[in-house]
C-alpha atoms as a PDB file:
ATOM      1  CA  UNK A   1     187.958   7.279  85.433  1.00  0.00           C
ATOM      2  CA  UNK A   2     185.513   6.981  88.321  1.00  0.00           C
ATOM      3  CA  UNK A   3     186.519   4.942  91.347  1.00  0.00           C
ATOM      4  CA  UNK A   4     184.834   1.540  91.376  1.00  0.00           C
ATOM      5  CA  UNK A   5     184.436   0.477  94.999  1.00  0.00           C
ATOM      6  CA  UNK A   6     183.397  -3.127  95.567  1.00  0.00           C
ATOM      7  CA  UNK A   7     181.975  -4.493  98.848  1.00  0.00           C
ATOM      8  CA  UNK A   8     184.227  -6.940 100.670  1.00  0.00           C
ATOM      9  CA  UNK A   9     182.962 -10.162 102.240  1.00  0.00           C
ATOM     10  CA  UNK A  10     183.745 -11.254 105.793  1.00  0.00           C
ATOM     11  CA  UNK A  11     186.212 -13.969 104.748  1.00  0.00           C
ATOM     12  CA  UNK A  12     188.399 -11.768 102.561  1.00  0.00           C
ATOM     13  CA  UNK A  13     191.775 -10.686 103.925  1.00  0.00           C
ATOM     14  CA  UNK A  14     193.027  -7.095 104.018  1.00  0.00           C
ATOM     15  CA  UNK A  15     196.690  -6.168 104.454  1.00  0.00           C
ATOM     16  CA  UNK A  16     197.363  -2.502 105.199  1.00  0.00           C
ATOM     17  CA  UNK A  17     200.603  -1.053 103.855  1.00  0.00           C
ATOM     18  CA  UNK A  18     201.214   0.518 107.238  1.00  0.00           C
ATOM     19  CA  UNK A  19     199.339  -0.314 110.438  1.00  0.00           C
ATOM     20  CA  UNK A  20     197.910   2.870 111.869  1.00  0.00           C
ATOM     21  CA  UNK A  21     197.731   3.449 115.600  1.00  0.00           C
ATOM     22  CA  UNK A  22     194.234   4.779 115.058  1.00  0.00           C
ATOM     23  CA  UNK A  23     192.950   1.494 113.601  1.00  0.00           C
ATOM     24  CA  UNK A  24     190.677  -0.492 115.915  1.00  0.00           C
ATOM     25  CA  UNK A  25     192.659  -3.665 115.209  1.00  0.00           C
ATOM     26  CA  UNK A  26     196.236  -4.237 116.385  1.00  0.00           C
ATOM     27  CA  UNK A  27     197.761  -5.893 113.302  1.00  0.00           C
ATOM     28  CA  UNK A  28     198.087  -4.887 109.648  1.00  0.00           C
ATOM     29  CA  UNK A  29     196.681  -8.087 108.107  1.00  0.00           C
ATOM     30  CA  UNK A  30     193.202  -9.227 109.081  1.00  0.00           C
ATOM     31  CA  UNK A  31     189.943 -10.669 107.809  1.00  0.00           C
ATOM     32  CA  UNK A  32     187.175  -8.221 107.004  1.00  0.00           C
ATOM     33  CA  UNK A  33     185.047  -9.946 109.664  1.00  0.00           C
ATOM     34  CA  UNK A  34     187.758  -9.233 112.288  1.00  0.00           C
ATOM     35  CA  UNK A  35     187.728  -5.522 111.474  1.00  0.00           C
ATOM     36  CA  UNK A  36     183.910  -5.473 111.574  1.00  0.00           C
ATOM     37  CA  UNK A  37     183.984  -7.116 115.023  1.00  0.00           C
ATOM     38  CA  UNK A  38     186.577  -4.579 116.268  1.00  0.00           C
ATOM     39  CA  UNK A  39     184.503  -1.679 114.930  1.00  0.00           C
ATOM     40  CA  UNK A  40     181.402  -3.082 116.613  1.00  0.00           C
ATOM     41  CA  UNK A  41     183.299  -3.211 119.911  1.00  0.00           C
ATOM     42  CA  UNK A  42     184.370   0.417 119.459  1.00  0.00           C
ATOM     43  CA  UNK A  43     180.772   1.412 118.792  1.00  0.00           C
ATOM     44  CA  UNK A  44     179.583  -0.522 121.842  1.00  0.00           C
ATOM     45  CA  UNK A  45     182.276   0.626 124.236  1.00  0.00           C
ATOM     46  CA  UNK A  46     181.308  -0.521 127.697  1.00  0.00           C
ATOM     47  CA  UNK A  47     177.561  -0.410 127.015  1.00  0.00           C
ATOM     48  CA  UNK A  48     175.926  -3.646 125.934  1.00  0.00           C
ATOM     49  CA  UNK A  49     172.382  -2.311 125.969  1.00  0.00           C
ATOM     50  CA  UNK A  50     172.678  -1.137 122.347  1.00  0.00           C
ATOM     51  CA  UNK A  51     174.338  -4.316 121.024  1.00  0.00           C
ATOM     52  CA  UNK A  52     171.305  -5.254 118.907  1.00  0.00           C
ATOM     53  CA  UNK A  53     171.272  -1.792 117.305  1.00  0.00           C
ATOM     54  CA  UNK A  54     174.997  -1.949 116.511  1.00  0.00           C
ATOM     55  CA  UNK A  55     174.631  -5.464 115.049  1.00  0.00           C
ATOM     56  CA  UNK A  56     171.779  -4.194 112.902  1.00  0.00           C
ATOM     57  CA  UNK A  57     173.889  -1.219 111.749  1.00  0.00           C
ATOM     58  CA  UNK A  58     176.592  -3.623 110.504  1.00  0.00           C
ATOM     59  CA  UNK A  59     174.133  -6.280 109.258  1.00  0.00           C
ATOM     60  CA  UNK A  60     170.686  -5.768 107.781  1.00  0.00           C
ATOM     61  CA  UNK A  61     170.812  -1.990 108.245  1.00  0.00           C
ATOM     62  CA  UNK A  62     168.735   0.525 110.188  1.00  0.00           C
ATOM     63  CA  UNK A  63     165.750   2.367 108.797  1.00  0.00           C
ATOM     64  CA  UNK A  64     166.403   5.934 107.755  1.00  0.00           C
ATOM     65  CA  UNK A  65     165.590   8.713 105.342  1.00  0.00           C
ATOM     66  CA  UNK A  66     168.066  10.353 102.979  1.00  0.00           C
ATOM     67  CA  UNK A  67     167.848  13.666 101.200  1.00  0.00           C
ATOM     68  CA  UNK A  68     169.715  13.957  97.912  1.00  0.00           C
ATOM     69  CA  UNK A  69     170.120  17.516  96.569  1.00  0.00           C
ATOM     70  CA  UNK A  70     167.300  18.496  94.204  1.00  0.00           C
ATOM     71  CA  UNK A  71     165.288  15.383  95.103  1.00  0.00           C
ATOM     72  CA  UNK A  72     162.717  14.420  97.710  1.00  0.00           C
ATOM     73  CA  UNK A  73     163.343  12.539 100.926  1.00  0.00           C
ATOM     74  CA  UNK A  74     163.675   8.790 100.311  1.00  0.00           C
ATOM     75  CA  UNK A  75     163.112   6.113 102.932  1.00  0.00           C
ATOM     76  CA  UNK A  76     165.244   2.992 103.190  1.00  0.00           C
ATOM     77  CA  UNK A  77     168.044   1.498 105.265  1.00  0.00           C
ATOM     78  CA  UNK A  78     171.662   2.405 105.920  1.00  0.00           C
ATOM     79  CA  UNK A  79     174.451   0.062 107.050  1.00  0.00           C
ATOM     80  CA  UNK A  80     178.188   0.116 107.557  1.00  0.00           C
ATOM     81  CA  UNK A  81     180.356  -2.050 105.315  1.00  0.00           C
ATOM     82  CA  UNK A  82     183.951  -2.203 104.107  1.00  0.00           C
ATOM     83  CA  UNK A  83     184.655  -1.610 100.424  1.00  0.00           C
ATOM     84  CA  UNK A  84     187.728  -1.878  98.211  1.00  0.00           C
ATOM     85  CA  UNK A  85     188.738   0.182  95.172  1.00  0.00           C
ATOM     86  CA  UNK A  86     191.562  -1.336  93.072  1.00  0.00           C
ATOM     87  CA  UNK A  87     194.338   0.985  91.829  1.00  0.00           C
ATOM     88  CA  UNK A  88     193.981  -0.517  88.372  1.00  0.00           C
ATOM     89  CA  UNK A  89     190.715  -1.682  86.841  1.00  0.00           C
ATOM     90  CA  UNK A  90     190.186  -5.437  87.051  1.00  0.00           C
ATOM     91  CA  UNK A  91     191.158  -7.279  83.902  1.00  0.00           C
ATOM     92  CA  UNK A  92     188.611  -9.651  82.376  1.00  0.00           C
ATOM     93  CA  UNK A  93     189.353 -13.184  83.458  1.00  0.00           C
ATOM     94  CA  UNK A  94     190.029 -15.604  80.650  1.00  0.00           C
ATOM     95  CA  UNK A  95     189.192 -19.199  81.412  1.00  0.00           C
ATOM     96  CA  UNK A  96     192.212 -21.491  81.529  1.00  0.00           C
ATOM     97  CA  UNK A  97     192.869 -23.512  78.404  1.00  0.00           C
ATOM     98  CA  UNK A  98     191.175 -26.868  78.550  1.00  0.00           C
ATOM     99  CA  UNK A  99     193.405 -29.780  79.187  1.00  0.00           C
ATOM    100  CA  UNK A 100     192.957 -32.497  76.606  1.00  0.00           C
ATOM    101  CA  UNK A 101     190.930 -35.360  78.026  1.00  0.00           C
ATOM    102  CA  UNK A 102     192.238 -38.878  77.509  1.00  0.00           C
ATOM    103  CA  UNK A 103     189.960 -40.851  75.275  1.00  0.00           C
ATOM    104  CA  UNK A 104     187.308 -42.877  77.049  1.00  0.00           C
ATOM    105  CA  UNK A 105     187.324 -40.681  80.202  1.00  0.00           C
ATOM    106  CA  UNK A 106     184.079 -39.134  81.393  1.00  0.00           C
ATOM    107  CA  UNK A 107     184.865 -35.794  83.127  1.00  0.00           C
ATOM    108  CA  UNK A 108     181.568 -35.995  85.058  1.00  0.00           C
ATOM    109  CA  UNK A 109     182.669 -39.053  87.064  1.00  0.00           C
ATOM    110  CA  UNK A 110     183.357 -38.543  90.748  1.00  0.00           C
ATOM    111  CA  UNK A 111     186.706 -39.489  92.239  1.00  0.00           C
ATOM    112  CA  UNK A 112     185.084 -42.441  94.059  1.00  0.00           C
ATOM    113  CA  UNK A 113     183.657 -43.744  90.778  1.00  0.00           C
ATOM    114  CA  UNK A 114     187.065 -43.523  89.108  1.00  0.00           C
ATOM    115  CA  UNK A 115     188.706 -45.374  92.008  1.00  0.00           C
ATOM    116  CA  UNK A 116     186.030 -48.070  91.854  1.00  0.00           C
ATOM    117  CA  UNK A 117     186.576 -48.483  88.101  1.00  0.00           C
ATOM    118  CA  UNK A 118     190.354 -48.744  88.608  1.00  0.00           C
ATOM    119  CA  UNK A 119     189.892 -51.359  91.336  1.00  0.00           C
ATOM    120  CA  UNK A 120     187.620 -53.417  89.043  1.00  0.00           C
ATOM    121  CA  UNK A 121     190.071 -53.191  86.118  1.00  0.00           C
ATOM    122  CA  UNK A 122     193.618 -53.219  87.534  1.00  0.00           C
END
């Protein structure tokens, strides 16, 4: 079965089984955005004159050309991102069983409307 890597978003949390000394972040559990910021700092080093280029490399991407074997050059953009490949394929999510609604209750009412109705009919 082919590996199915999925891009991670900045708010997702990664926990490494073992923190490596070579990682640019000091702890084993971190948000994806924290790792991206640490990698950006490593890319920048002491120089801040290429900060815009590094931000572009991690964000919208930088213009480039790629050459795939047996094909022509193709123009586009390249960017750095973090991806995840699960050990087991994701199982289809089944929606939770519906809870029976009490008769006469409208599920589209907001909490404020329900409170108002309860206050009017104690």
